[in-house]
Structures are given as C-alpha cells and as structure tokens.
PDB file of N, CA and C in Angstrom:
ATOM      1  N   MET A   1      38.060 -85.016-145.049  1.00  0.00           N
ATOM      2  CA  MET A   1      37.615 -84.681-146.389  1.00  0.00           C
ATOM      3  C   MET A   1      37.471 -85.948-147.219  1.00  0.00           C
ATOM      4  N   ARG A   2      36.516 -85.932-148.106  1.00  0.00           N
ATOM      5  CA  ARG A   2      36.275 -87.065-148.992  1.00  0.00           C
ATOM      6  C   ARG A   2      37.224 -86.975-150.181  1.00  0.00           C
ATOM      7  N   ARG A   3      37.905 -88.051-150.482  1.00  0.00           N
ATOM      8  CA  ARG A   3      38.817 -88.115-151.614  1.00  0.00           C
ATOM      9  C   ARG A   3      38.237 -89.053-152.668  1.00  0.00           C
ATOM     10  N   ALA A   4      38.566 -88.786-153.878  1.00  0.00           N
ATOM     11  CA  ALA A   4      38.115 -89.648-154.967  1.00  0.00           C
ATOM     12  C   ALA A   4      38.756 -91.020-154.824  1.00  0.00           C
ATOM     13  N   PRO A   5      38.022 -92.078-155.093  1.00  0.00           N
ATOM     14  CA  PRO A   5      38.600 -93.414-154.991  1.00  0.00           C
ATOM     15  C   PRO A   5      39.644 -93.677-156.073  1.00  0.00           C
ATOM     16  N   TYR A   6      39.617 -92.960-157.146  1.00  0.00           N
ATOM     17  CA  TYR A   6      40.594 -93.090-158.214  1.00  0.00           C
ATOM     18  C   TYR A   6      40.626 -91.778-158.983  1.00  0.00           C
ATOM     19  N   HIS A   7      41.653 -91.613-159.748  1.00  0.00           N
ATOM     20  CA  HIS A   7      41.771 -90.424-160.598  1.00  0.00           C
ATOM     21  C   HIS A   7      41.773 -90.876-162.048  1.00  0.00           C
ATOM     22  N   ARG A   8      41.046 -90.194-162.857  1.00  0.00           N
ATOM     23  CA  ARG A   8      41.058 -90.479-164.289  1.00  0.00           C
ATOM     24  C   ARG A   8      41.871 -89.375-164.935  1.00  0.00           C
ATOM     25  N   TRP A   9      42.964 -89.711-165.540  1.00  0.00           N
ATOM     26  CA  TRP A   9      43.880 -88.757-166.139  1.00  0.00           C
ATOM     27  C   TRP A   9      43.739 -88.796-167.653  1.00  0.00           C
ATOM     28  N   TYR A  10      43.814 -87.655-168.265  1.00  0.00           N
ATOM     29  CA  TYR A  10      43.801 -87.608-169.716  1.00  0.00           C
ATOM     30  C   TYR A  10      44.365 -86.268-170.156  1.00  0.00           C
ATOM     31  N   ALA A  11      44.899 -86.241-171.334  1.00  0.00           N
ATOM     32  CA  ALA A  11      45.372 -84.992-171.919  1.00  0.00           C
ATOM     33  C   ALA A  11      44.266 -84.495-172.832  1.00  0.00           C
ATOM     34  N   GLY A  12      44.018 -83.233-172.805  1.00  0.00           N
ATOM     35  CA  GLY A  12      42.979 -82.692-173.661  1.00  0.00           C
ATOM     36  C   GLY A  12      42.392 -81.427-173.106  1.00  0.00           C
ATOM     37  N   VAL A  13      41.221 -81.097-173.567  1.00  0.00           N
ATOM     38  CA  VAL A  13      40.551 -79.874-173.163  1.00  0.00           C
ATOM     39  C   VAL A  13      39.106 -80.183-172.814  1.00  0.00           C
ATOM     40  N   VAL A  14      38.455 -79.225-172.214  1.00  0.00           N
ATOM     41  CA  VAL A  14      37.078 -79.395-171.768  1.00  0.00           C
ATOM     42  C   VAL A  14      36.153 -78.562-172.651  1.00  0.00           C
ATOM     43  N   ASP A  15      35.032 -79.115-173.040  1.00  0.00           N
ATOM     44  CA  ASP A  15      33.961 -78.354-173.677  1.00  0.00           C
ATOM     45  C   ASP A  15      34.396 -77.579-174.917  1.00  0.00           C
ATOM     46  N   GLY A  16      35.067 -78.212-175.821  1.00  0.00           N
ATOM     47  CA  GLY A  16      35.360 -77.571-177.095  1.00  0.00           C
ATOM     48  C   GLY A  16      36.650 -76.795-177.138  1.00  0.00           C
ATOM     49  N   GLY A  17      37.412 -76.760-176.096  1.00  0.00           N
ATOM     50  CA  GLY A  17      38.720 -76.115-176.137  1.00  0.00           C
ATOM     51  C   GLY A  17      38.781 -74.807-175.390  1.00  0.00           C
ATOM     52  N   PRO A  18      39.901 -74.571-174.753  1.00  0.00           N
ATOM     53  CA  PRO A  18      40.077 -73.352-173.979  1.00  0.00           C
ATOM     54  C   PRO A  18      40.483 -72.171-174.841  1.00  0.00           C
ATOM     55  N   SER A  19      40.424 -71.001-174.245  1.00  0.00           N
ATOM     56  CA  SER A  19      40.871 -69.790-174.931  1.00  0.00           C
ATOM     57  C   SER A  19      42.396 -69.733-174.877  1.00  0.00           C
ATOM     58  N   ASP A  20      42.965 -68.665-175.387  1.00  0.00           N
ATOM     59  CA  ASP A  20      44.416 -68.531-175.443  1.00  0.00           C
ATOM     60  C   ASP A  20      45.053 -68.087-174.136  1.00  0.00           C
ATOM     61  N   SER A  21      44.256 -67.721-173.149  1.00  0.00           N
ATOM     62  CA  SER A  21      44.838 -67.257-171.898  1.00  0.00           C
ATOM     63  C   SER A  21      43.943 -67.601-170.718  1.00  0.00           C
ATOM     64  N   LEU A  22      44.531 -67.540-169.539  1.00  0.00           N
ATOM     65  CA  LEU A  22      43.790 -67.779-168.311  1.00  0.00           C
ATOM     66  C   LEU A  22      43.071 -66.500-167.898  1.00  0.00           C
ATOM     67  N   VAL A  23      42.006 -66.642-167.131  1.00  0.00           N
ATOM     68  CA  VAL A  23      41.247 -65.489-166.641  1.00  0.00           C
ATOM     69  C   VAL A  23      41.758 -65.147-165.246  1.00  0.00           C
ATOM     70  N   TRP A  24      42.286 -63.940-165.109  1.00  0.00           N
ATOM     71  CA  TRP A  24      42.794 -63.463-163.825  1.00  0.00           C
ATOM     72  C   TRP A  24      41.962 -62.289-163.347  1.00  0.00           C
ATOM     73  N   ASP A  25      41.740 -62.221-162.047  1.00  0.00           N
ATOM     74  CA  ASP A  25      41.117 -61.060-161.422  1.00  0.00           C
ATOM     75  C   ASP A  25      41.786 -60.861-160.065  1.00  0.00           C
ATOM     76  N   HIS A  26      41.417 -59.826-159.381  1.00  0.00           N
ATOM     77  CA  HIS A  26      42.077 -59.487-158.119  1.00  0.00           C
ATOM     78  C   HIS A  26      41.975 -60.624-157.102  1.00  0.00           C
ATOM     79  N   GLY A  27      40.836 -61.250-157.009  1.00  0.00           N
ATOM     80  CA  GLY A  27      40.632 -62.313-156.031  1.00  0.00           C
ATOM     81  C   GLY A  27      41.438 -63.558-156.306  1.00  0.00           C
ATOM     82  N   ASN A  28      41.411 -64.046-157.536  1.00  0.00           N
ATOM     83  CA  ASN A  28      42.112 -65.305-157.793  1.00  0.00           C
ATOM     84  C   ASN A  28      43.613 -65.112-157.922  1.00  0.00           C
ATOM     85  N   GLU A  29      44.058 -63.941-158.321  1.00  0.00           N
ATOM     86  CA  GLU A  29      45.501 -63.733-158.439  1.00  0.00           C
ATOM     87  C   GLU A  29      46.174 -63.858-157.072  1.00  0.00           C
ATOM     88  N   ARG A  30      45.559 -63.330-156.061  1.00  0.00           N
ATOM     89  CA  ARG A  30      46.126 -63.440-154.706  1.00  0.00           C
ATOM     90  C   ARG A  30      46.119 -64.885-154.215  1.00  0.00           C
ATOM     91  N   HIS A  31      45.008 -65.560-154.393  1.00  0.00           N
ATOM     92  CA  HIS A  31      44.868 -66.911-153.868  1.00  0.00           C
ATOM     93  C   HIS A  31      45.681 -67.925-154.664  1.00  0.00           C
ATOM     94  N   ALA A  32      45.696 -67.808-155.966  1.00  0.00           N
ATOM     95  CA  ALA A  32      46.350 -68.810-156.815  1.00  0.00           C
ATOM     96  C   ALA A  32      47.860 -68.850-156.623  1.00  0.00           C
ATOM     97  N   VAL A  33      48.455 -67.777-156.156  1.00  0.00           N
ATOM     98  CA  VAL A  33      49.917 -67.726-156.028  1.00  0.00           C
ATOM     99  C   VAL A  33      50.390 -67.861-154.576  1.00  0.00           C
ATOM    100  N   ARG A  34      49.535 -68.317-153.691  1.00  0.00           N
ATOM    101  CA  ARG A  34      49.896 -68.415-152.268  1.00  0.00           C
ATOM    102  C   ARG A  34      50.972 -69.449-151.975  1.00  0.00           C
ATOM    103  N   HIS A  35      51.168 -70.434-152.805  1.00  0.00           N
ATOM    104  CA  HIS A  35      52.104 -71.519-152.511  1.00  0.00           C
ATOM    105  C   HIS A  35      53.431 -71.336-153.228  1.00  0.00           C
ATOM    106  N   ASP A  36      53.944 -70.124-153.178  1.00  0.00           N
ATOM    107  CA  ASP A  36      55.279 -69.822-153.701  1.00  0.00           C
ATOM    108  C   ASP A  36      55.394 -69.990-155.217  1.00  0.00           C
ATOM    109  N   LEU A  37      54.316 -69.753-155.924  1.00  0.00           N
ATOM    110  CA  LEU A  37      54.335 -69.729-157.387  1.00  0.00           C
ATOM    111  C   LEU A  37      53.924 -68.345-157.844  1.00  0.00           C
ATOM    112  N   SER A  38      54.452 -67.924-158.964  1.00  0.00           N
ATOM    113  CA  SER A  38      54.093 -66.607-159.494  1.00  0.00           C
ATOM    114  C   SER A  38      53.034 -66.746-160.589  1.00  0.00           C
ATOM    115  N   LYS A  39      52.355 -65.647-160.844  1.00  0.00           N
ATOM    116  CA  LYS A  39      51.384 -65.595-161.943  1.00  0.00           C
ATOM    117  C   LYS A  39      52.092 -65.911-163.261  1.00  0.00           C
ATOM    118  N   GLU A  40      53.315 -65.431-163.411  1.00  0.00           N
ATOM    119  CA  GLU A  40      54.076 -65.665-164.636  1.00  0.00           C
ATOM    120  C   GLU A  40      54.388 -67.150-164.837  1.00  0.00           C
ATOM    121  N   GLU A  41      54.690 -67.858-163.736  1.00  0.00           N
ATOM    122  CA  GLU A  41      54.938 -69.300-163.852  1.00  0.00           C
ATOM    123  C   GLU A  41      53.667 -70.044-164.279  1.00  0.00           C
ATOM    124  N   ILE A  42      52.544 -69.656-163.691  1.00  0.00           N
ATOM    125  CA  ILE A  42      51.267 -70.300-164.029  1.00  0.00           C
ATOM    126  C   ILE A  42      50.905 -70.021-165.485  1.00  0.00           C
ATOM    127  N   ASP A  43      51.012 -68.751-165.900  1.00  0.00           N
ATOM    128  CA  ASP A  43      50.742 -68.407-167.299  1.00  0.00           C
ATOM    129  C   ASP A  43      51.703 -69.128-168.238  1.00  0.00           C
ATOM    130  N   GLY A  44      52.974 -69.222-167.835  1.00  0.00           N
ATOM    131  CA  GLY A  44      53.972 -69.898-168.657  1.00  0.00           C
ATOM    132  C   GLY A  44      53.654 -71.365-168.844  1.00  0.00           C
ATOM    133  N   MET A  45      53.222 -72.031-167.772  1.00  0.00           N
ATOM    134  CA  MET A  45      52.833 -73.444-167.864  1.00  0.00           C
ATOM    135  C   MET A  45      51.681 -73.593-168.847  1.00  0.00           C
ATOM    136  N   TYR A  46      50.688 -72.729-168.723  1.00  0.00           N
ATOM    137  CA  TYR A  46      49.519 -72.799-169.605  1.00  0.00           C
ATOM    138  C   TYR A  46      49.929 -72.551-171.066  1.00  0.00           C
ATOM    139  N   ASP A  47      50.759 -71.539-171.275  1.00  0.00           N
ATOM    140  CA  ASP A  47      51.168 -71.174-172.633  1.00  0.00           C
ATOM    141  C   ASP A  47      52.004 -72.261-173.312  1.00  0.00           C
ATOM    142  N   LEU A  48      52.784 -73.012-172.535  1.00  0.00           N
ATOM    143  CA  LEU A  48      53.572 -74.096-173.135  1.00  0.00           C
ATOM    144  C   LEU A  48      52.679 -75.161-173.758  1.00  0.00           C
ATOM    145  N   GLY A  49      51.501 -75.372-173.163  1.00  0.00           N
ATOM    146  CA  GLY A  49      50.542 -76.323-173.724  1.00  0.00           C
ATOM    147  C   GLY A  49      50.875 -77.780-173.481  1.00  0.00           C
ATOM    148  N   THR A  50      51.856 -78.058-172.648  1.00  0.00           N
ATOM    149  CA  THR A  50      52.220 -79.447-172.365  1.00  0.00           C
ATOM    150  C   THR A  50      51.678 -79.857-170.994  1.00  0.00           C
ATOM    151  N   TRP A  51      50.427 -79.507-170.762  1.00  0.00           N
ATOM    152  CA  TRP A  51      49.773 -79.862-169.505  1.00  0.00           C
ATOM    153  C   TRP A  51      48.710 -80.916-169.766  1.00  0.00           C
ATOM    154  N   THR A  52      48.397 -81.628-168.708  1.00  0.00           N
ATOM    155  CA  THR A  52      47.350 -82.632-168.755  1.00  0.00           C
ATOM    156  C   THR A  52      46.233 -82.200-167.815  1.00  0.00           C
ATOM    157  N   ILE A  53      45.052 -82.702-168.047  1.00  0.00           N
ATOM    158  CA  ILE A  53      43.889 -82.343-167.239  1.00  0.00           C
ATOM    159  C   ILE A  53      43.522 -83.516-166.353  1.00  0.00           C
ATOM    160  N   ASP A  54      43.281 -83.226-165.096  1.00  0.00           N
ATOM    161  CA  ASP A  54      42.819 -84.231-164.147  1.00  0.00           C
ATOM    162  C   ASP A  54      41.498 -83.751-163.567  1.00  0.00           C
ATOM    163  N   GLU A  55      40.608 -84.677-163.329  1.00  0.00           N
ATOM    164  CA  GLU A  55      39.339 -84.320-162.691  1.00  0.00           C
ATOM    165  C   GLU A  55      39.591 -83.834-161.272  1.00  0.00           C
ATOM    166  N   ASP A  56      38.720 -83.003-160.767  1.00  0.00           N
ATOM    167  CA  ASP A  56      38.802 -82.539-159.391  1.00  0.00           C
ATOM    168  C   ASP A  56      38.537 -83.719-158.453  1.00  0.00           C
ATOM    169  N   PRO A  57      39.443 -84.008-157.504  1.00  0.00           N
ATOM    170  CA  PRO A  57      39.247 -85.176-156.635  1.00  0.00           C
ATOM    171  C   PRO A  57      38.082 -85.027-155.662  1.00  0.00           C
ATOM    172  N   PHE A  58      37.549 -83.808-155.532  1.00  0.00           N
ATOM    173  CA  PHE A  58      36.414 -83.583-154.636  1.00  0.00           C
ATOM    174  C   PHE A  58      35.103 -83.438-155.413  1.00  0.00           C
ATOM    175  N   PHE A  59      35.166 -83.701-156.716  1.00  0.00           N
ATOM    176  CA  PHE A  59      33.991 -83.722-157.599  1.00  0.00           C
ATOM    177  C   PHE A  59      33.241 -82.391-157.656  1.00  0.00           C
ATOM    178  N   ARG A  60      33.955 -81.283-157.534  1.00  0.00           N
ATOM    179  CA  ARG A  60      33.304 -79.971-157.656  1.00  0.00           C
ATOM    180  C   ARG A  60      33.015 -79.722-159.140  1.00  0.00           C
ATOM    181  N   SER A  61      31.832 -79.236-159.414  1.00  0.00           N
ATOM    182  CA  SER A  61      31.466 -79.007-160.816  1.00  0.00           C
ATOM    183  C   SER A  61      32.290 -77.869-161.397  1.00  0.00           C
ATOM    184  N   ASN A  62      32.604 -77.985-162.661  1.00  0.00           N
ATOM    185  CA  ASN A  62      33.364 -76.988-163.418  1.00  0.00           C
ATOM    186  C   ASN A  62      34.776 -76.764-162.908  1.00  0.00           C
ATOM    187  N   GLN A  63      35.319 -77.691-162.137  1.00  0.00           N
ATOM    188  CA  GLN A  63      36.702 -77.565-161.682  1.00  0.00           C
ATOM    189  C   GLN A  63      37.520 -78.766-162.116  1.00  0.00           C
ATOM    190  N   VAL A  64      38.722 -78.496-162.587  1.00  0.00           N
ATOM    191  CA  VAL A  64      39.685 -79.520-162.954  1.00  0.00           C
ATOM    192  C   VAL A  64      41.063 -79.055-162.490  1.00  0.00           C
ATOM    193  N   ARG A  65      42.039 -79.908-162.675  1.00  0.00           N
ATOM    194  CA  ARG A  65      43.414 -79.557-162.342  1.00  0.00           C
ATOM    195  C   ARG A  65      44.276 -79.700-163.581  1.00  0.00           C
ATOM    196  N   LEU A  66      45.087 -78.695-163.826  1.00  0.00           N
ATOM    197  CA  LEU A  66      46.037 -78.722-164.929  1.00  0.00           C
ATOM    198  C   LEU A  66      47.402 -79.029-164.340  1.00  0.00           C
ATOM    199  N   ILE A  67      48.097 -80.003-164.892  1.00  0.00           N
ATOM    200  CA  ILE A  67      49.410 -80.394-164.405  1.00  0.00           C
ATOM    201  C   ILE A  67      50.385 -80.257-165.563  1.00  0.00           C
ATOM    202  N   GLY A  68      51.448 -79.487-165.363  1.00  0.00           N
ATOM    203  CA  GLY A  68      52.422 -79.309-166.426  1.00  0.00           C
ATOM    204  C   GLY A  68      53.633 -78.542-165.970  1.00  0.00           C
ATOM    205  N   PRO A  69      54.645 -78.451-166.844  1.00  0.00           N
ATOM    206  CA  PRO A  69      55.878 -77.752-166.490  1.00  0.00           C
ATOM    207  C   PRO A  69      55.792 -76.256-166.771  1.00  0.00           C
ATOM    208  N   THR A  70      56.518 -75.501-165.971  1.00  0.00           N
ATOM    209  CA  THR A  70      56.689 -74.075-166.232  1.00  0.00           C
ATOM    210  C   THR A  70      57.832 -73.935-167.246  1.00  0.00           C
ATOM    211  N   PRO A  71      58.024 -72.753-167.829  1.00  0.00           N
ATOM    212  CA  PRO A  71      59.163 -72.576-168.733  1.00  0.00           C
ATOM    213  C   PRO A  71      60.508 -72.871-168.054  1.00  0.00           C
ATOM    214  N   GLY A  72      60.572 -72.720-166.732  1.00  0.00           N
ATOM    215  CA  GLY A  72      61.801 -73.011-166.004  1.00  0.00           C
ATOM    216  C   GLY A  72      61.964 -74.480-165.637  1.00  0.00           C
ATOM    217  N   GLY A  73      60.978 -75.326-165.986  1.00  0.00           N
ATOM    218  CA  GLY A  73      61.072 -76.756-165.737  1.00  0.00           C
ATOM    219  C   GLY A  73      60.428 -77.230-164.447  1.00  0.00           C
ATOM    220  N   ARG A  74      59.815 -76.350-163.702  1.00  0.00           N
ATOM    221  CA  ARG A  74      59.136 -76.722-162.459  1.00  0.00           C
ATOM    222  C   ARG A  74      57.792 -77.358-162.801  1.00  0.00           C
ATOM    223  N   LEU A  75      57.526 -78.554-162.304  1.00  0.00           N
ATOM    224  CA  LEU A  75      56.257 -79.219-162.591  1.00  0.00           C
ATOM    225  C   LEU A  75      55.246 -78.800-161.533  1.00  0.00           C
ATOM    226  N   ILE A  76      54.146 -78.191-161.976  1.00  0.00           N
ATOM    227  CA  ILE A  76      53.158 -77.635-161.052  1.00  0.00           C
ATOM    228  C   ILE A  76      51.758 -78.154-161.358  1.00  0.00           C
ATOM    229  N   THR A  77      50.890 -77.993-160.385  1.00  0.00           N
ATOM    230  CA  THR A  77      49.471 -78.302-160.537  1.00  0.00           C
ATOM    231  C   THR A  77      48.697 -77.021-160.275  1.00  0.00           C
ATOM    232  N   VAL A  78      47.732 -76.731-161.129  1.00  0.00           N
ATOM    233  CA  VAL A  78      46.891 -75.550-160.975  1.00  0.00           C
ATOM    234  C   VAL A  78      45.428 -75.997-160.972  1.00  0.00           C
ATOM    235  N   ALA A  79      44.754 -75.755-159.859  1.00  0.00           N
ATOM    236  CA  ALA A  79      43.313 -76.009-159.800  1.00  0.00           C
ATOM    237  C   ALA A  79      42.642 -74.843-160.513  1.00  0.00           C
ATOM    238  N   VAL A  80      41.768 -75.174-161.471  1.00  0.00           N
ATOM    239  CA  VAL A  80      41.113 -74.136-162.258  1.00  0.00           C
ATOM    240  C   VAL A  80      39.612 -74.368-162.307  1.00  0.00           C
ATOM    241  N   GLU A  81      38.905 -73.280-162.509  1.00  0.00           N
ATOM    242  CA  GLU A  81      37.457 -73.322-162.728  1.00  0.00           C
ATOM    243  C   GLU A  81      37.231 -73.096-164.206  1.00  0.00           C
ATOM    244  N   TRP A  82      36.389 -73.915-164.813  1.00  0.00           N
ATOM    245  CA  TRP A  82      36.047 -73.756-166.235  1.00  0.00           C
ATOM    246  C   TRP A  82      34.899 -72.767-166.343  1.00  0.00           C
ATOM    247  N   LEU A  83      35.091 -71.719-167.152  1.00  0.00           N
ATOM    248  CA  LEU A  83      34.060 -70.708-167.388  1.00  0.00           C
ATOM    249  C   LEU A  83      33.508 -70.916-168.795  1.00  0.00           C
ATOM    250  N   PRO A  84      32.400 -71.650-168.927  1.00  0.00           N
ATOM    251  CA  PRO A  84      31.918 -72.001-170.266  1.00  0.00           C
ATOM    252  C   PRO A  84      31.574 -70.801-171.139  1.00  0.00           C
ATOM    253  N   ALA A  85      31.020 -69.754-170.574  1.00  0.00           N
ATOM    254  CA  ALA A  85      30.643 -68.585-171.378  1.00  0.00           C
ATOM    255  C   ALA A  85      31.865 -67.915-172.002  1.00  0.00           C
ATOM    256  N   ARG A  86      32.989 -67.972-171.320  1.00  0.00           N
ATOM    257  CA  ARG A  86      34.226 -67.362-171.825  1.00  0.00           C
ATOM    258  C   ARG A  86      35.154 -68.370-172.486  1.00  0.00           C
ATOM    259  N   ARG A  87      34.783 -69.681-172.360  1.00  0.00           N
ATOM    260  CA  ARG A  87      35.645 -70.756-172.858  1.00  0.00           C
ATOM    261  C   ARG A  87      37.062 -70.579-172.349  1.00  0.00           C
ATOM    262  N   ALA A  88      37.177 -70.418-171.041  1.00  0.00           N
ATOM    263  CA  ALA A  88      38.477 -70.146-170.435  1.00  0.00           C
ATOM    264  C   ALA A  88      38.557 -70.754-169.044  1.00  0.00           C
ATOM    265  N   TYR A  89      39.780 -70.955-168.598  1.00  0.00           N
ATOM    266  CA  TYR A  89      40.038 -71.427-167.247  1.00  0.00           C
ATOM    267  C   TYR A  89      40.385 -70.248-166.345  1.00  0.00           C
ATOM    268  N   ARG A  90      39.887 -70.307-165.121  1.00  0.00           N
ATOM    269  CA  ARG A  90      40.208 -69.305-164.105  1.00  0.00           C
ATOM    270  C   ARG A  90      40.969 -70.010-162.993  1.00  0.00           C
ATOM    271  N   PRO A  91      42.255 -69.695-162.789  1.00  0.00           N
ATOM    272  CA  PRO A  91      43.025 -70.343-161.732  1.00  0.00           C
ATOM    273  C   PRO A  91      42.434 -70.077-160.349  1.00  0.00           C
ATOM    274  N   ILE A  92      42.447 -71.112-159.513  1.00  0.00           N
ATOM    275  CA  ILE A  92      41.936 -71.005-158.149  1.00  0.00           C
ATOM    276  C   ILE A  92      43.073 -71.156-157.148  1.00  0.00           C
ATOM    277  N   ALA A  93      43.907 -72.171-157.339  1.00  0.00           N
ATOM    278  CA  ALA A  93      45.037 -72.435-156.443  1.00  0.00           C
ATOM    279  C   ALA A  93      46.118 -73.145-157.249  1.00  0.00           C
ATOM    280  N   SER A  94      47.343 -73.105-156.740  1.00  0.00           N
ATOM    281  CA  SER A  94      48.449 -73.780-157.425  1.00  0.00           C
ATOM    282  C   SER A  94      49.457 -74.264-156.393  1.00  0.00           C
ATOM    283  N   TRP A  95      50.230 -75.288-156.800  1.00  0.00           N
ATOM    284  CA  TRP A  95      51.242 -75.848-155.915  1.00  0.00           C
ATOM    285  C   TRP A  95      52.213 -76.663-156.750  1.00  0.00           C
ATOM    286  N   ASP A  96      53.366 -76.992-156.148  1.00  0.00           N
ATOM    287  CA  ASP A  96      54.282 -77.912-156.805  1.00  0.00           C
ATOM    288  C   ASP A  96      53.580 -79.256-156.930  1.00  0.00           C
ATOM    289  N   ALA A  97      53.690 -79.862-158.101  1.00  0.00           N
ATOM    290  CA  ALA A  97      53.012 -81.142-158.333  1.00  0.00           C
ATOM    291  C   ALA A  97      53.476 -82.175-157.313  1.00  0.00           C
ATOM    292  N   GLU A  98      52.515 -82.901-156.778  1.00  0.00           N
ATOM    293  CA  GLU A  98      52.818 -83.966-155.826  1.00  0.00           C
ATOM    294  C   GLU A  98      53.348 -85.187-156.584  1.00  0.00           C
ATOM    295  N   LYS A  99      53.897 -86.134-155.837  1.00  0.00           N
ATOM    296  CA  LYS A  99      54.538 -87.304-156.440  1.00  0.00           C
ATOM    297  C   LYS A  99      53.623 -88.026-157.428  1.00  0.00           C
ATOM    298  N   ALA A 100      52.380 -88.290-157.034  1.00  0.00           N
ATOM    299  CA  ALA A 100      51.444 -88.990-157.928  1.00  0.00           C
ATOM    300  C   ALA A 100      51.125 -88.146-159.157  1.00  0.00           C
ATOM    301  N   GLU A 101      51.015 -86.832-158.994  1.00  0.00           N
ATOM    302  CA  GLU A 101      50.732 -85.942-160.129  1.00  0.00           C
ATOM    303  C   GLU A 101      51.915 -85.940-161.096  1.00  0.00           C
ATOM    304  N   ARG A 102      53.120 -85.932-160.573  1.00  0.00           N
ATOM    305  CA  ARG A 102      54.318 -85.985-161.416  1.00  0.00           C
ATOM    306  C   ARG A 102      54.363 -87.293-162.215  1.00  0.00           C
ATOM    307  N   ARG A 103      54.097 -88.376-161.520  1.00  0.00           N
ATOM    308  CA  ARG A 103      54.125 -89.694-162.169  1.00  0.00           C
ATOM    309  C   ARG A 103      53.091 -89.773-163.288  1.00  0.00           C
ATOM    310  N   ARG A 104      51.897 -89.305-163.027  1.00  0.00           N
ATOM    311  CA  ARG A 104      50.835 -89.347-164.040  1.00  0.00           C
ATOM    312  C   ARG A 104      51.160 -88.442-165.220  1.00  0.00           C
ATOM    313  N   TRP A 105      51.700 -87.247-164.948  1.00  0.00           N
ATOM    314  CA  TRP A 105      52.048 -86.335-166.049  1.00  0.00           C
ATOM    315  C   TRP A 105      53.099 -86.984-166.937  1.00  0.00           C
ATOM    316  N   ARG A 106      54.139 -87.542-166.334  1.00  0.00           N
ATOM    317  CA  ARG A 106      55.200 -88.187-167.117  1.00  0.00           C
ATOM    318  C   ARG A 106      54.649 -89.353-167.929  1.00  0.00           C
ATOM    319  N   ARG A 107      53.813 -90.148-167.312  1.00  0.00           N
ATOM    320  CA  ARG A 107      53.218 -91.296-168.003  1.00  0.00           C
ATOM    321  C   ARG A 107      52.401 -90.820-169.203  1.00  0.00           C
ATOM    322  N   ASP A 108      51.620 -89.778-169.017  1.00  0.00           N
ATOM    323  CA  ASP A 108      50.778 -89.267-170.093  1.00  0.00           C
ATOM    324  C   ASP A 108      51.613 -88.752-171.254  1.00  0.00           C
ATOM    325  N   PHE A 109      52.671 -88.009-170.969  1.00  0.00           N
ATOM    326  CA  PHE A 109      53.453 -87.418-172.055  1.00  0.00           C
ATOM    327  C   PHE A 109      54.439 -88.391-172.662  1.00  0.00           C
ATOM    328  N   GLN A 110      54.814 -89.439-171.973  1.00  0.00           N
ATOM    329  CA  GLN A 110      55.658 -90.465-172.596  1.00  0.00           C
ATOM    330  C   GLN A 110      54.856 -91.244-173.621  1.00  0.00           C
ATOM    331  N   GLN A 111      53.562 -91.421-173.384  1.00  0.00           N
ATOM    332  CA  GLN A 111      52.705 -92.122-174.341  1.00  0.00           C
ATOM    333  C   GLN A 111      52.525 -91.328-175.623  1.00  0.00           C
ATOM    334  N   ARG A 112      52.621 -90.007-175.569  1.00  0.00           N
ATOM    335  CA  ARG A 112      52.426 -89.162-176.746  1.00  0.00           C
ATOM    336  C   ARG A 112      53.639 -89.133-177.649  1.00  0.00           C
ATOM    337  N   GLN A 113      54.807 -89.454-177.114  1.00  0.00           N
ATOM    338  CA  GLN A 113      56.044 -89.343-177.903  1.00  0.00           C
ATOM    339  C   GLN A 113      56.322 -90.576-178.699  1.00  0.00           C
TER     340      GLN A 113
END
C-alpha cells in the first residue's frame, strides 16, 4: 500500500464546521466498532471536542482522521468521511491511536494550552 510521505496535522474543522453529531447507519456502525471500540466511545470522543484532524494517509477524497480522547481517557483514532451536504462526519473505522498519532495529538494540544 502507498503511504503518505508525511502527515500534516492540525486542529480544526473541514468546510465550515461539522454538525453536532456523527452520522451513523447500519453499515458504518458495524464496521466502525470492529476494533474493540464502542459507538458510545466514538460519540464521546467527538462530543468532547478535544480531537485533532489528520489528512487521510492514502489521499482518499472526503476522508480524514479524527484523533482524540474518549470520556474514559482512551486515545483513539476514527477514520471519517466528510459529508458536505449534511456538514457532518460519518465514521468508517476506529482503533486505539498508534504511537505517532498519540505523539501528534499531545503535541497539538500542548501548543493550545
């Protein structure tokens, strides 16, 4: 698989700001929680608002990754699809944040404090 030569990390939103909730349907709910994460943990991470956005390393259009803590303190990454018509993110997959994702998230939020 082709990997991005670098990652550009930033905190913020895409295309004017997201809605107040994630878009869930039968298909993505099953797939997004396959890696031992619950829908509630993913929603909780999003609702806390202390997540950062990373570009998709495979350069897929309308996809980014949200990295942030759950209410229980677990740092996770959620691959999401941006739905411009709904101004919302639709979760695709999720996992415990990898070492580089953890480091970047901490670096980003230490700069804000």
